[in-house]
């Protein structure tokens, strides 16, 4: 799957998220990169996705004029799973939900507790 095809795949998956999730996303961009570089993944964990920014609960009254938060989805680690298209879509959706949870202020410990870690 080419980069453009995967990017379309991610956009389609975002479009399938529940409306309340899409409506709650403010000042955020979704970017597809082939892999995380050493800046995004300094420990070389082979990330599927990454959220960078200021989570909603931490945005105060002075939060204005900020650059958009970013949710990165990394193509190569997803493709290396060698999943059929529908299972790949599910895996991309899990990655997106995990990173969107961080945007909502939910940390990895809580995600582990509820089975999304």
PDB file of N, CA and C in Angstrom:
ATOM      1  N   UNK A   1       0.852  -1.177   0.000  1.00  0.00           N
ATOM      2  CA  UNK A   1       0.000   0.000   0.000  1.00  0.00           C
ATOM      3  C   UNK A   1       0.894   1.235   0.000  1.00  0.00           C
ATOM      4  N   UNK A   2       0.664   2.116  -0.957  1.00  0.00           N
ATOM      5  CA  UNK A   2       1.471   3.322  -1.059  1.00  0.00           C
ATOM      6  C   UNK A   2       1.138   4.279   0.091  1.00  0.00           C
ATOM      7  N   UNK A   3       1.983   5.296   0.230  1.00  0.00           N
ATOM      8  CA  UNK A   3       1.755   6.293   1.267  1.00  0.00           C
ATOM      9  C   UNK A   3       0.396   6.974   1.070  1.00  0.00           C
ATOM     10  N   UNK A   4       0.097   7.378  -0.174  1.00  0.00           N
ATOM     11  CA  UNK A   4      -1.168   8.055  -0.455  1.00  0.00           C
ATOM     12  C   UNK A   4      -2.370   7.151  -0.182  1.00  0.00           C
ATOM     13  N   UNK A   5      -2.262   5.882  -0.551  1.00  0.00           N
ATOM     14  CA  UNK A   5      -3.356   4.937  -0.294  1.00  0.00           C
ATOM     15  C   UNK A   5      -3.567   4.766   1.208  1.00  0.00           C
ATOM     16  N   UNK A   6      -2.477   4.659   1.952  1.00  0.00           N
ATOM     17  CA  UNK A   6      -2.588   4.502   3.402  1.00  0.00           C
ATOM     18  C   UNK A   6      -3.176   5.769   4.028  1.00  0.00           C
ATOM     19  N   UNK A   7      -2.759   6.925   3.531  1.00  0.00           N
ATOM     20  CA  UNK A   7      -3.291   8.183   4.038  1.00  0.00           C
ATOM     21  C   UNK A   7      -4.808   8.254   3.794  1.00  0.00           C
ATOM     22  N   UNK A   8      -5.256   7.853   2.609  1.00  0.00           N
ATOM     23  CA  UNK A   8      -6.695   7.800   2.327  1.00  0.00           C
ATOM     24  C   UNK A   8      -7.393   6.813   3.258  1.00  0.00           C
ATOM     25  N   UNK A   9      -6.731   5.707   3.530  1.00  0.00           N
ATOM     26  CA  UNK A   9      -7.247   4.675   4.427  1.00  0.00           C
ATOM     27  C   UNK A   9      -7.450   5.266   5.826  1.00  0.00           C
ATOM     28  N   UNK A  10      -6.468   6.032   6.305  1.00  0.00           N
ATOM     29  CA  UNK A  10      -6.553   6.669   7.626  1.00  0.00           C
ATOM     30  C   UNK A  10      -7.682   7.701   7.635  1.00  0.00           C
ATOM     31  N   UNK A  11      -7.760   8.530   6.597  1.00  0.00           N
ATOM     32  CA  UNK A  11      -8.824   9.539   6.520  1.00  0.00           C
ATOM     33  C   UNK A  11     -10.199   8.886   6.538  1.00  0.00           C
ATOM     34  N   UNK A  12     -10.345   7.799   5.811  1.00  0.00           N
ATOM     35  CA  UNK A  12     -11.615   7.075   5.793  1.00  0.00           C
ATOM     36  C   UNK A  12     -11.943   6.524   7.177  1.00  0.00           C
ATOM     37  N   UNK A  13     -10.936   6.050   7.877  1.00  0.00           N
ATOM     38  CA  UNK A  13     -11.138   5.522   9.228  1.00  0.00           C
ATOM     39  C   UNK A  13     -11.548   6.648  10.171  1.00  0.00           C
ATOM     40  N   UNK A  14     -10.937   7.810  10.039  1.00  0.00           N
ATOM     41  CA  UNK A  14     -11.323   8.968  10.859  1.00  0.00           C
ATOM     42  C   UNK A  14     -12.777   9.335  10.577  1.00  0.00           C
ATOM     43  N   UNK A  15     -13.157   9.311   9.307  1.00  0.00           N
ATOM     44  CA  UNK A  15     -14.532   9.638   8.938  1.00  0.00           C
ATOM     45  C   UNK A  15     -15.546   8.662   9.537  1.00  0.00           C
ATOM     46  N   UNK A  16     -15.111   7.463   9.855  1.00  0.00           N
ATOM     47  CA  UNK A  16     -15.999   6.441  10.427  1.00  0.00           C
ATOM     48  C   UNK A  16     -16.110   6.538  11.955  1.00  0.00           C
ATOM     49  N   UNK A  17     -15.291   7.393  12.580  1.00  0.00           N
ATOM     50  CA  UNK A  17     -15.383   7.563  14.026  1.00  0.00           C
ATOM     51  C   UNK A  17     -16.737   8.180  14.369  1.00  0.00           C
ATOM     52  N   UNK A  18     -17.248   7.903  15.564  1.00  0.00           N
ATOM     53  CA  UNK A  18     -18.540   8.479  15.942  1.00  0.00           C
ATOM     54  C   UNK A  18     -18.533  10.006  15.829  1.00  0.00           C
ATOM     55  N   UNK A  19     -19.684  10.557  15.478  1.00  0.00           N
ATOM     56  CA  UNK A  19     -19.807  11.994  15.294  1.00  0.00           C
ATOM     57  C   UNK A  19     -19.379  12.799  16.503  1.00  0.00           C
ATOM     58  N   UNK A  20     -19.698  12.307  17.727  1.00  0.00           N
ATOM     59  CA  UNK A  20     -19.344  13.064  18.933  1.00  0.00           C
ATOM     60  C   UNK A  20     -17.832  13.182  19.082  1.00  0.00           C
ATOM     61  N   UNK A  21     -17.091  12.164  18.600  1.00  0.00           N
ATOM     62  CA  UNK A  21     -15.631  12.225  18.672  1.00  0.00           C
ATOM     63  C   UNK A  21     -15.137  13.281  17.682  1.00  0.00           C
ATOM     64  N   UNK A  22     -15.630  13.216  16.458  1.00  0.00           N
ATOM     65  CA  UNK A  22     -15.205  14.176  15.441  1.00  0.00           C
ATOM     66  C   UNK A  22     -15.527  15.606  15.868  1.00  0.00           C
ATOM     67  N   UNK A  23     -16.682  15.814  16.474  1.00  0.00           N
ATOM     68  CA  UNK A  23     -17.084  17.154  16.910  1.00  0.00           C
ATOM     69  C   UNK A  23     -16.217  17.672  18.059  1.00  0.00           C
ATOM     70  N   UNK A  24     -15.644  16.768  18.838  1.00  0.00           N
ATOM     71  CA  UNK A  24     -14.836  17.164  19.998  1.00  0.00           C
ATOM     72  C   UNK A  24     -13.381  17.481  19.634  1.00  0.00           C
ATOM     73  N   UNK A  25     -12.993  17.190  18.417  1.00  0.00           N
ATOM     74  CA  UNK A  25     -11.606  17.401  18.002  1.00  0.00           C
ATOM     75  C   UNK A  25     -11.423  18.837  17.526  1.00  0.00           C
ATOM     76  N   UNK A  26     -10.677  19.603  18.320  1.00  0.00           N
ATOM     77  CA  UNK A  26     -10.424  21.012  18.006  1.00  0.00           C
ATOM     78  C   UNK A  26      -8.930  21.274  17.986  1.00  0.00           C
ATOM     79  N   UNK A  27      -8.480  22.010  16.991  1.00  0.00           N
ATOM     80  CA  UNK A  27      -7.086  22.406  16.877  1.00  0.00           C
ATOM     81  C   UNK A  27      -6.164  21.181  16.878  1.00  0.00           C
ATOM     82  N   UNK A  28      -6.484  20.233  16.000  1.00  0.00           N
ATOM     83  CA  UNK A  28      -5.687  19.011  15.905  1.00  0.00           C
ATOM     84  C   UNK A  28      -5.568  18.590  14.442  1.00  0.00           C
ATOM     85  N   UNK A  29      -4.404  18.085  14.102  1.00  0.00           N
ATOM     86  CA  UNK A  29      -4.124  17.590  12.764  1.00  0.00           C
ATOM     87  C   UNK A  29      -3.792  16.101  12.850  1.00  0.00           C
ATOM     88  N   UNK A  30      -4.097  15.375  11.797  1.00  0.00           N
ATOM     89  CA  UNK A  30      -3.716  13.977  11.673  1.00  0.00           C
ATOM     90  C   UNK A  30      -2.704  13.882  10.544  1.00  0.00           C
ATOM     91  N   UNK A  31      -1.534  13.326  10.837  1.00  0.00           N
ATOM     92  CA  UNK A  31      -0.470  13.192   9.846  1.00  0.00           C
ATOM     93  C   UNK A  31      -0.038  11.744   9.730  1.00  0.00           C
ATOM     94  N   UNK A  32       0.177  11.304   8.507  1.00  0.00           N
ATOM     95  CA  UNK A  32       0.701   9.963   8.247  1.00  0.00           C
ATOM     96  C   UNK A  32       2.173  10.100   7.880  1.00  0.00           C
ATOM     97  N   UNK A  33       3.009   9.402   8.615  1.00  0.00           N
ATOM     98  CA  UNK A  33       4.447   9.306   8.299  1.00  0.00           C
ATOM     99  C   UNK A  33       4.747   7.829   8.085  1.00  0.00           C
ATOM    100  N   UNK A  34       5.753   7.558   7.292  1.00  0.00           N
ATOM    101  CA  UNK A  34       6.117   6.159   7.070  1.00  0.00           C
ATOM    102  C   UNK A  34       6.572   5.502   8.370  1.00  0.00           C
ATOM    103  N   UNK A  35       7.442   6.183   9.101  1.00  0.00           N
ATOM    104  CA  UNK A  35       7.931   5.688  10.384  1.00  0.00           C
ATOM    105  C   UNK A  35       8.214   6.879  11.288  1.00  0.00           C
ATOM    106  N   UNK A  36       8.269   6.614  12.579  1.00  0.00           N
ATOM    107  CA  UNK A  36       8.648   7.665  13.522  1.00  0.00           C
ATOM    108  C   UNK A  36      10.153   7.873  13.439  1.00  0.00           C
ATOM    109  N   UNK A  37      10.564   9.131  13.369  1.00  0.00           N
ATOM    110  CA  UNK A  37      11.998   9.419  13.373  1.00  0.00           C
ATOM    111  C   UNK A  37      12.500   9.429  14.816  1.00  0.00           C
ATOM    112  N   UNK A  38      13.780   9.700  14.996  1.00  0.00           N
ATOM    113  CA  UNK A  38      14.368   9.647  16.345  1.00  0.00           C
ATOM    114  C   UNK A  38      13.819  10.752  17.246  1.00  0.00           C
ATOM    115  N   UNK A  39      13.307  11.828  16.670  1.00  0.00           N
ATOM    116  CA  UNK A  39      12.694  12.891  17.470  1.00  0.00           C
ATOM    117  C   UNK A  39      11.347  12.428  18.035  1.00  0.00           C
ATOM    118  N   UNK A  40      10.544  11.749  17.211  1.00  0.00           N
ATOM    119  CA  UNK A  40       9.220  11.291  17.641  1.00  0.00           C
ATOM    120  C   UNK A  40       9.289   9.988  18.445  1.00  0.00           C
ATOM    121  N   UNK A  41      10.292   9.191  18.186  1.00  0.00           N
ATOM    122  CA  UNK A  41      10.435   7.898  18.870  1.00  0.00           C
ATOM    123  C   UNK A  41      11.891   7.719  19.302  1.00  0.00           C
ATOM    124  N   UNK A  42      12.330   8.521  20.299  1.00  0.00           N
ATOM    125  CA  UNK A  42      13.750   8.495  20.676  1.00  0.00           C
ATOM    126  C   UNK A  42      14.225   7.140  21.200  1.00  0.00           C
ATOM    127  N   UNK A  43      13.322   6.330  21.709  1.00  0.00           N
ATOM    128  CA  UNK A  43      13.722   5.025  22.241  1.00  0.00           C
ATOM    129  C   UNK A  43      13.566   3.909  21.216  1.00  0.00           C
ATOM    130  N   UNK A  44      13.176   4.246  19.995  1.00  0.00           N
ATOM    131  CA  UNK A  44      13.076   3.257  18.928  1.00  0.00           C
ATOM    132  C   UNK A  44      12.071   2.166  19.196  1.00  0.00           C
ATOM    133  N   UNK A  45      10.925   2.521  19.745  1.00  0.00           N
ATOM    134  CA  UNK A  45       9.909   1.528  20.118  1.00  0.00           C
ATOM    135  C   UNK A  45       9.097   1.007  18.938  1.00  0.00           C
ATOM    136  N   UNK A  46       9.226   1.628  17.765  1.00  0.00           N
ATOM    137  CA  UNK A  46       8.435   1.191  16.624  1.00  0.00           C
ATOM    138  C   UNK A  46       6.970   1.550  16.789  1.00  0.00           C
ATOM    139  N   UNK A  47       6.713   2.793  17.122  1.00  0.00           N
ATOM    140  CA  UNK A  47       5.362   3.250  17.413  1.00  0.00           C
ATOM    141  C   UNK A  47       4.411   3.093  16.232  1.00  0.00           C
ATOM    142  N   UNK A  48       3.145   2.807  16.547  1.00  0.00           N
ATOM    143  CA  UNK A  48       2.080   2.793  15.547  1.00  0.00           C
ATOM    144  C   UNK A  48       1.486   4.187  15.391  1.00  0.00           C
ATOM    145  N   UNK A  49       1.483   4.944  16.492  1.00  0.00           N
ATOM    146  CA  UNK A  49       0.926   6.285  16.480  1.00  0.00           C
ATOM    147  C   UNK A  49       1.493   7.084  17.632  1.00  0.00           C
ATOM    148  N   UNK A  50       1.245   8.394  17.590  1.00  0.00           N
ATOM    149  CA  UNK A  50       1.755   9.272  18.639  1.00  0.00           C
ATOM    150  C   UNK A  50       0.911  10.537  18.669  1.00  0.00           C
ATOM    151  N   UNK A  51       0.562  10.969  19.879  1.00  0.00           N
ATOM    152  CA  UNK A  51      -0.122  12.246  20.074  1.00  0.00           C
ATOM    153  C   UNK A  51       0.880  13.240  20.640  1.00  0.00           C
ATOM    154  N   UNK A  52       0.945  14.425  20.050  1.00  0.00           N
ATOM    155  CA  UNK A  52       1.756  15.505  20.605  1.00  0.00           C
ATOM    156  C   UNK A  52       0.872  16.743  20.712  1.00  0.00           C
ATOM    157  N   UNK A  53       0.947  17.397  21.851  1.00  0.00           N
ATOM    158  CA  UNK A  53       0.168  18.612  22.026  1.00  0.00           C
ATOM    159  C   UNK A  53      -0.238  18.827  23.467  1.00  0.00           C
ATOM    160  N   UNK A  54      -1.263  19.636  23.656  1.00  0.00           N
ATOM    161  CA  UNK A  54      -1.793  19.970  24.969  1.00  0.00           C
ATOM    162  C   UNK A  54      -3.157  19.296  25.106  1.00  0.00           C
ATOM    163  N   UNK A  55      -3.258  18.266  25.957  1.00  0.00           N
ATOM    164  CA  UNK A  55      -4.539  17.577  26.112  1.00  0.00           C
ATOM    165  C   UNK A  55      -5.654  18.535  26.555  1.00  0.00           C
ATOM    166  N   UNK A  56      -6.871  18.220  26.158  1.00  0.00           N
ATOM    167  CA  UNK A  56      -8.005  19.092  26.473  1.00  0.00           C
ATOM    168  C   UNK A  56      -8.094  19.495  27.938  1.00  0.00           C
ATOM    169  N   UNK A  57      -7.939  18.568  28.902  1.00  0.00           N
ATOM    170  CA  UNK A  57      -8.078  18.974  30.304  1.00  0.00           C
ATOM    171  C   UNK A  57      -7.011  19.970  30.772  1.00  0.00           C
ATOM    172  N   UNK A  58      -5.907  20.062  30.037  1.00  0.00           N
ATOM    173  CA  UNK A  58      -4.828  20.966  30.427  1.00  0.00           C
ATOM    174  C   UNK A  58      -4.910  22.328  29.734  1.00  0.00           C
ATOM    175  N   UNK A  59      -5.895  22.488  28.872  1.00  0.00           N
ATOM    176  CA  UNK A  59      -6.047  23.757  28.159  1.00  0.00           C
ATOM    177  C   UNK A  59      -6.813  24.735  29.047  1.00  0.00           C
ATOM    178  N   UNK A  60      -6.128  25.781  29.442  1.00  0.00           N
ATOM    179  CA  UNK A  60      -6.748  26.794  30.287  1.00  0.00           C
ATOM    180  C   UNK A  60      -7.331  27.925  29.469  1.00  0.00           C
ATOM    181  N   UNK A  61      -7.733  28.953  30.172  1.00  0.00           N
ATOM    182  CA  UNK A  61      -8.313  30.127  29.520  1.00  0.00           C
ATOM    183  C   UNK A  61      -7.295  30.855  28.664  1.00  0.00           C
ATOM    184  N   UNK A  62      -6.010  30.624  28.936  1.00  0.00           N
ATOM    185  CA  UNK A  62      -4.963  31.272  28.152  1.00  0.00           C
ATOM    186  C   UNK A  62      -4.582  30.469  26.901  1.00  0.00           C
ATOM    187  N   UNK A  63      -5.283  29.373  26.657  1.00  0.00           N
ATOM    188  CA  UNK A  63      -4.996  28.548  25.475  1.00  0.00           C
ATOM    189  C   UNK A  63      -5.623  29.223  24.252  1.00  0.00           C
ATOM    190  N   UNK A  64      -4.791  29.918  23.512  1.00  0.00           N
ATOM    191  CA  UNK A  64      -5.246  30.590  22.291  1.00  0.00           C
ATOM    192  C   UNK A  64      -4.044  30.805  21.393  1.00  0.00           C
ATOM    193  N   UNK A  65      -4.267  30.743  20.116  1.00  0.00           N
ATOM    194  CA  UNK A  65      -3.203  30.994  19.159  1.00  0.00           C
ATOM    195  C   UNK A  65      -2.128  29.926  19.123  1.00  0.00           C
ATOM    196  N   UNK A  66      -2.428  28.752  19.656  1.00  0.00           N
ATOM    197  CA  UNK A  66      -1.455  27.659  19.684  1.00  0.00           C
ATOM    198  C   UNK A  66      -1.435  26.930  18.340  1.00  0.00           C
ATOM    199  N   UNK A  67      -0.288  26.377  18.006  1.00  0.00           N
ATOM    200  CA  UNK A  67      -0.218  25.503  16.843  1.00  0.00           C
ATOM    201  C   UNK A  67      -1.099  24.279  17.108  1.00  0.00           C
ATOM    202  N   UNK A  68      -1.605  23.655  16.067  1.00  0.00           N
ATOM    203  CA  UNK A  68      -2.457  22.476  16.280  1.00  0.00           C
ATOM    204  C   UNK A  68      -1.693  21.328  16.938  1.00  0.00           C
ATOM    205  N   UNK A  69      -2.400  20.574  17.760  1.00  0.00           N
ATOM    206  CA  UNK A  69      -1.878  19.302  18.241  1.00  0.00           C
ATOM    207  C   UNK A  69      -1.777  18.382  17.021  1.00  0.00           C
ATOM    208  N   UNK A  70      -1.005  17.303  17.163  1.00  0.00           N
ATOM    209  CA  UNK A  70      -0.838  16.379  16.047  1.00  0.00           C
ATOM    210  C   UNK A  70      -1.010  14.949  16.540  1.00  0.00           C
ATOM    211  N   UNK A  71      -1.768  14.190  15.777  1.00  0.00           N
ATOM    212  CA  UNK A  71      -1.790  12.738  15.947  1.00  0.00           C
ATOM    213  C   UNK A  71      -1.103  12.165  14.714  1.00  0.00           C
ATOM    214  N   UNK A  72       0.009  11.490  14.968  1.00  0.00           N
ATOM    215  CA  UNK A  72       0.759  10.828  13.908  1.00  0.00           C
ATOM    216  C   UNK A  72       0.303   9.385  13.825  1.00  0.00           C
ATOM    217  N   UNK A  73       0.153   8.892  12.603  1.00  0.00           N
ATOM    218  CA  UNK A  73      -0.089   7.470  12.349  1.00  0.00           C
ATOM    219  C   UNK A  73       1.058   7.017  11.463  1.00  0.00           C
ATOM    220  N   UNK A  74       1.733   5.954  11.886  1.00  0.00           N
ATOM    221  CA  UNK A  74       2.921   5.502  11.177  1.00  0.00           C
ATOM    222  C   UNK A  74       2.573   4.298  10.298  1.00  0.00           C
ATOM    223  N   UNK A  75       2.797   4.477   9.012  1.00  0.00           N
ATOM    224  CA  UNK A  75       2.375   3.511   7.995  1.00  0.00           C
ATOM    225  C   UNK A  75       3.141   2.193   8.062  1.00  0.00           C
ATOM    226  N   UNK A  76       4.448   2.263   8.050  1.00  0.00           N
ATOM    227  CA  UNK A  76       5.247   1.045   7.930  1.00  0.00           C
ATOM    228  C   UNK A  76       5.000   0.033   9.056  1.00  0.00           C
ATOM    229  N   UNK A  77       4.982   0.463  10.332  1.00  0.00           N
ATOM    230  CA  UNK A  77       4.705  -0.522  11.389  1.00  0.00           C
ATOM    231  C   UNK A  77       3.327  -1.184  11.244  1.00  0.00           C
ATOM    232  N   UNK A  78       2.345  -0.438  10.739  1.00  0.00           N
ATOM    233  CA  UNK A  78       1.025  -1.036  10.509  1.00  0.00           C
ATOM    234  C   UNK A  78       1.097  -2.071   9.386  1.00  0.00           C
ATOM    235  N   UNK A  79       1.779  -1.712   8.298  1.00  0.00           N
ATOM    236  CA  UNK A  79       1.852  -2.628   7.162  1.00  0.00           C
ATOM    237  C   UNK A  79       2.665  -3.876   7.485  1.00  0.00           C
ATOM    238  N   UNK A  80       3.651  -3.737   8.364  1.00  0.00           N
ATOM    239  CA  UNK A  80       4.481  -4.887   8.736  1.00  0.00           C
ATOM    240  C   UNK A  80       3.690  -5.948   9.500  1.00  0.00           C
ATOM    241  N   UNK A  81       2.489  -5.624   9.940  1.00  0.00           N
ATOM    242  CA  UNK A  81       1.628  -6.605  10.606  1.00  0.00           C
ATOM    243  C   UNK A  81       1.039  -7.601   9.608  1.00  0.00           C
ATOM    244  N   UNK A  82       1.118  -7.262   8.311  1.00  0.00           N
ATOM    245  CA  UNK A  82       0.613  -8.132   7.241  1.00  0.00           C
ATOM    246  C   UNK A  82      -0.835  -8.566   7.465  1.00  0.00           C
ATOM    247  N   UNK A  83      -1.672  -7.611   7.803  1.00  0.00           N
ATOM    248  CA  UNK A  83      -3.078  -7.891   8.060  1.00  0.00           C
ATOM    249  C   UNK A  83      -3.912  -7.724   6.800  1.00  0.00           C
ATOM    250  N   UNK A  84      -4.999  -8.497   6.684  1.00  0.00           N
ATOM    251  CA  UNK A  84      -5.939  -8.243   5.590  1.00  0.00           C
ATOM    252  C   UNK A  84      -6.556  -6.851   5.761  1.00  0.00           C
ATOM    253  N   UNK A  85      -7.075  -6.266   4.691  1.00  0.00           N
ATOM    254  CA  UNK A  85      -7.564  -4.877   4.749  1.00  0.00           C
ATOM    255  C   UNK A  85      -8.516  -4.564   5.904  1.00  0.00           C
ATOM    256  N   UNK A  86      -9.491  -5.392   6.179  1.00  0.00           N
ATOM    257  CA  UNK A  86     -10.440  -5.074   7.258  1.00  0.00           C
ATOM    258  C   UNK A  86      -9.770  -5.120   8.630  1.00  0.00           C
ATOM    259  N   UNK A  87      -8.854  -6.069   8.837  1.00  0.00           N
ATOM    260  CA  UNK A  87      -8.132  -6.135  10.107  1.00  0.00           C
ATOM    261  C   UNK A  87      -7.168  -4.955  10.230  1.00  0.00           C
ATOM    262  N   UNK A  88      -6.588  -4.548   9.107  1.00  0.00           N
ATOM    263  CA  UNK A  88      -5.721  -3.372   9.118  1.00  0.00           C
ATOM    264  C   UNK A  88      -6.535  -2.140   9.490  1.00  0.00           C
ATOM    265  N   UNK A  89      -7.738  -2.020   8.933  1.00  0.00           N
ATOM    266  CA  UNK A  89      -8.616  -0.892   9.275  1.00  0.00           C
ATOM    267  C   UNK A  89      -8.898  -0.887  10.779  1.00  0.00           C
ATOM    268  N   UNK A  90      -9.159  -2.059  11.358  1.00  0.00           N
ATOM    269  CA  UNK A  90      -9.406  -2.157  12.801  1.00  0.00           C
ATOM    270  C   UNK A  90      -8.178  -1.735  13.596  1.00  0.00           C
ATOM    271  N   UNK A  91      -7.002  -2.134  13.142  1.00  0.00           N
ATOM    272  CA  UNK A  91      -5.759  -1.781  13.839  1.00  0.00           C
ATOM    273  C   UNK A  91      -5.498  -0.277  13.755  1.00  0.00           C
ATOM    274  N   UNK A  92      -5.736   0.314  12.592  1.00  0.00           N
ATOM    275  CA  UNK A  92      -5.592   1.761  12.436  1.00  0.00           C
ATOM    276  C   UNK A  92      -6.594   2.475  13.335  1.00  0.00           C
ATOM    277  N   UNK A  93      -7.821   1.966  13.387  1.00  0.00           N
ATOM    278  CA  UNK A  93      -8.842   2.563  14.261  1.00  0.00           C
ATOM    279  C   UNK A  93      -8.414   2.480  15.724  1.00  0.00           C
ATOM    280  N   UNK A  94      -7.853   1.358  16.150  1.00  0.00           N
ATOM    281  CA  UNK A  94      -7.360   1.225  17.527  1.00  0.00           C
ATOM    282  C   UNK A  94      -6.263   2.252  17.808  1.00  0.00           C
ATOM    283  N   UNK A  95      -5.365   2.408  16.843  1.00  0.00           N
ATOM    284  CA  UNK A  95      -4.289   3.392  17.004  1.00  0.00           C
ATOM    285  C   UNK A  95      -4.874   4.792  17.142  1.00  0.00           C
ATOM    286  N   UNK A  96      -5.804   5.129  16.275  1.00  0.00           N
ATOM    287  CA  UNK A  96      -6.420   6.451  16.327  1.00  0.00           C
ATOM    288  C   UNK A  96      -7.162   6.670  17.642  1.00  0.00           C
ATOM    289  N   UNK A  97      -7.924   5.677  18.077  1.00  0.00           N
ATOM    290  CA  UNK A  97      -8.666   5.805  19.337  1.00  0.00           C
ATOM    291  C   UNK A  97      -7.705   5.978  20.502  1.00  0.00           C
ATOM    292  N   UNK A  98      -6.617   5.229  20.499  1.00  0.00           N
ATOM    293  CA  UNK A  98      -5.614   5.330  21.562  1.00  0.00           C
ATOM    294  C   UNK A  98      -5.042   6.749  21.620  1.00  0.00           C
ATOM    295  N   UNK A  99      -4.671   7.289  20.463  1.00  0.00           N
ATOM    296  CA  UNK A  99      -4.070   8.624  20.431  1.00  0.00           C
ATOM    297  C   UNK A  99      -5.105   9.715  20.717  1.00  0.00           C
ATOM    298  N   UNK A 100      -6.326   9.540  20.251  1.00  0.00           N
ATOM    299  CA  UNK A 100      -7.393  10.490  20.566  1.00  0.00           C
ATOM    300  C   UNK A 100      -7.672  10.475  22.064  1.00  0.00           C
ATOM    301  N   UNK A 101      -7.564   9.320  22.694  1.00  0.00           N
ATOM    302  CA  UNK A 101      -7.736   9.241  24.150  1.00  0.00           C
ATOM    303  C   UNK A 101      -6.703  10.121  24.850  1.00  0.00           C
ATOM    304  N   UNK A 102      -5.476  10.133  24.363  1.00  0.00           N
ATOM    305  CA  UNK A 102      -4.455  11.022  24.940  1.00  0.00           C
ATOM    306  C   UNK A 102      -4.855  12.485  24.765  1.00  0.00           C
ATOM    307  N   UNK A 103      -5.423  12.823  23.621  1.00  0.00           N
ATOM    308  CA  UNK A 103      -5.918  14.175  23.379  1.00  0.00           C
ATOM    309  C   UNK A 103      -6.983  14.547  24.423  1.00  0.00           C
ATOM    310  N   UNK A 104      -7.806  13.577  24.803  1.00  0.00           N
ATOM    311  CA  UNK A 104      -8.836  13.796  25.824  1.00  0.00           C
ATOM    312  C   UNK A 104      -8.269  13.749  27.244  1.00  0.00           C
ATOM    313  N   UNK A 105      -6.964  13.507  27.370  1.00  0.00           N
ATOM    314  CA  UNK A 105      -6.313  13.522  28.670  1.00  0.00           C
ATOM    315  C   UNK A 105      -6.243  12.179  29.362  1.00  0.00           C
ATOM    316  N   UNK A 106      -6.511  11.110  28.647  1.00  0.00           N
ATOM    317  CA  UNK A 106      -6.460   9.762  29.231  1.00  0.00           C
ATOM    318  C   UNK A 106      -5.044   9.221  29.046  1.00  0.00           C
ATOM    319  N   UNK A 107      -4.398   8.840  30.153  1.00  0.00           N
ATOM    320  CA  UNK A 107      -3.005   8.389  30.068  1.00  0.00           C
ATOM    321  C   UNK A 107      -2.912   6.890  29.796  1.00  0.00           C
ATOM    322  N   UNK A 108      -1.684   6.436  29.526  1.00  0.00           N
ATOM    323  CA  UNK A 108      -1.456   5.027  29.187  1.00  0.00           C
ATOM    324  C   UNK A 108      -1.864   4.085  30.309  1.00  0.00           C
ATOM    325  N   UNK A 109      -1.650   4.470  31.567  1.00  0.00           N
ATOM    326  CA  UNK A 109      -2.035   3.596  32.684  1.00  0.00           C
ATOM    327  C   UNK A 109      -3.531   3.319  32.663  1.00  0.00           C
ATOM    328  N   UNK A 110      -4.325   4.361  32.469  1.00  0.00           N
ATOM    329  CA  UNK A 110      -5.778   4.166  32.429  1.00  0.00           C
ATOM    330  C   UNK A 110      -6.186   3.369  31.187  1.00  0.00           C
ATOM    331  N   UNK A 111      -5.535   3.641  30.051  1.00  0.00           N
ATOM    332  CA  UNK A 111      -5.827   2.866  28.845  1.00  0.00           C
ATOM    333  C   UNK A 111      -5.516   1.392  29.066  1.00  0.00           C
ATOM    334  N   UNK A 112      -4.423   1.092  29.772  1.00  0.00           N
ATOM    335  CA  UNK A 112      -4.102  -0.305  30.107  1.00  0.00           C
ATOM    336  C   UNK A 112      -5.188  -0.910  30.973  1.00  0.00           C
ATOM    337  N   UNK A 113      -5.669  -0.147  31.959  1.00  0.00           N
ATOM    338  CA  UNK A 113      -6.719  -0.640  32.862  1.00  0.00           C
ATOM    339  C   UNK A 113      -7.990  -1.025  32.108  1.00  0.00           C
ATOM    340  N   UNK A 114      -8.319  -0.259  31.094  1.00  0.00           N
ATOM    341  CA  UNK A 114      -9.570  -0.535  30.361  1.00  0.00           C
ATOM    342  C   UNK A 114      -9.347  -1.374  29.107  1.00  0.00           C
ATOM    343  N   UNK A 115      -8.122  -1.888  28.928  1.00  0.00           N
ATOM    344  CA  UNK A 115      -7.849  -2.805  27.822  1.00  0.00           C
ATOM    345  C   UNK A 115      -7.492  -2.146  26.502  1.00  0.00           C
ATOM    346  N   UNK A 116      -7.098  -0.864  26.514  1.00  0.00           N
ATOM    347  CA  UNK A 116      -6.743  -0.165  25.268  1.00  0.00           C
ATOM    348  C   UNK A 116      -5.271   0.215  25.259  1.00  0.00           C
ATOM    349  N   UNK A 117      -4.474  -0.366  26.133  1.00  0.00           N
ATOM    350  CA  UNK A 117      -3.066  -0.002  26.232  1.00  0.00           C
ATOM    351  C   UNK A 117      -2.205  -0.588  25.178  1.00  0.00           C
TER     352      UNK A 117
END
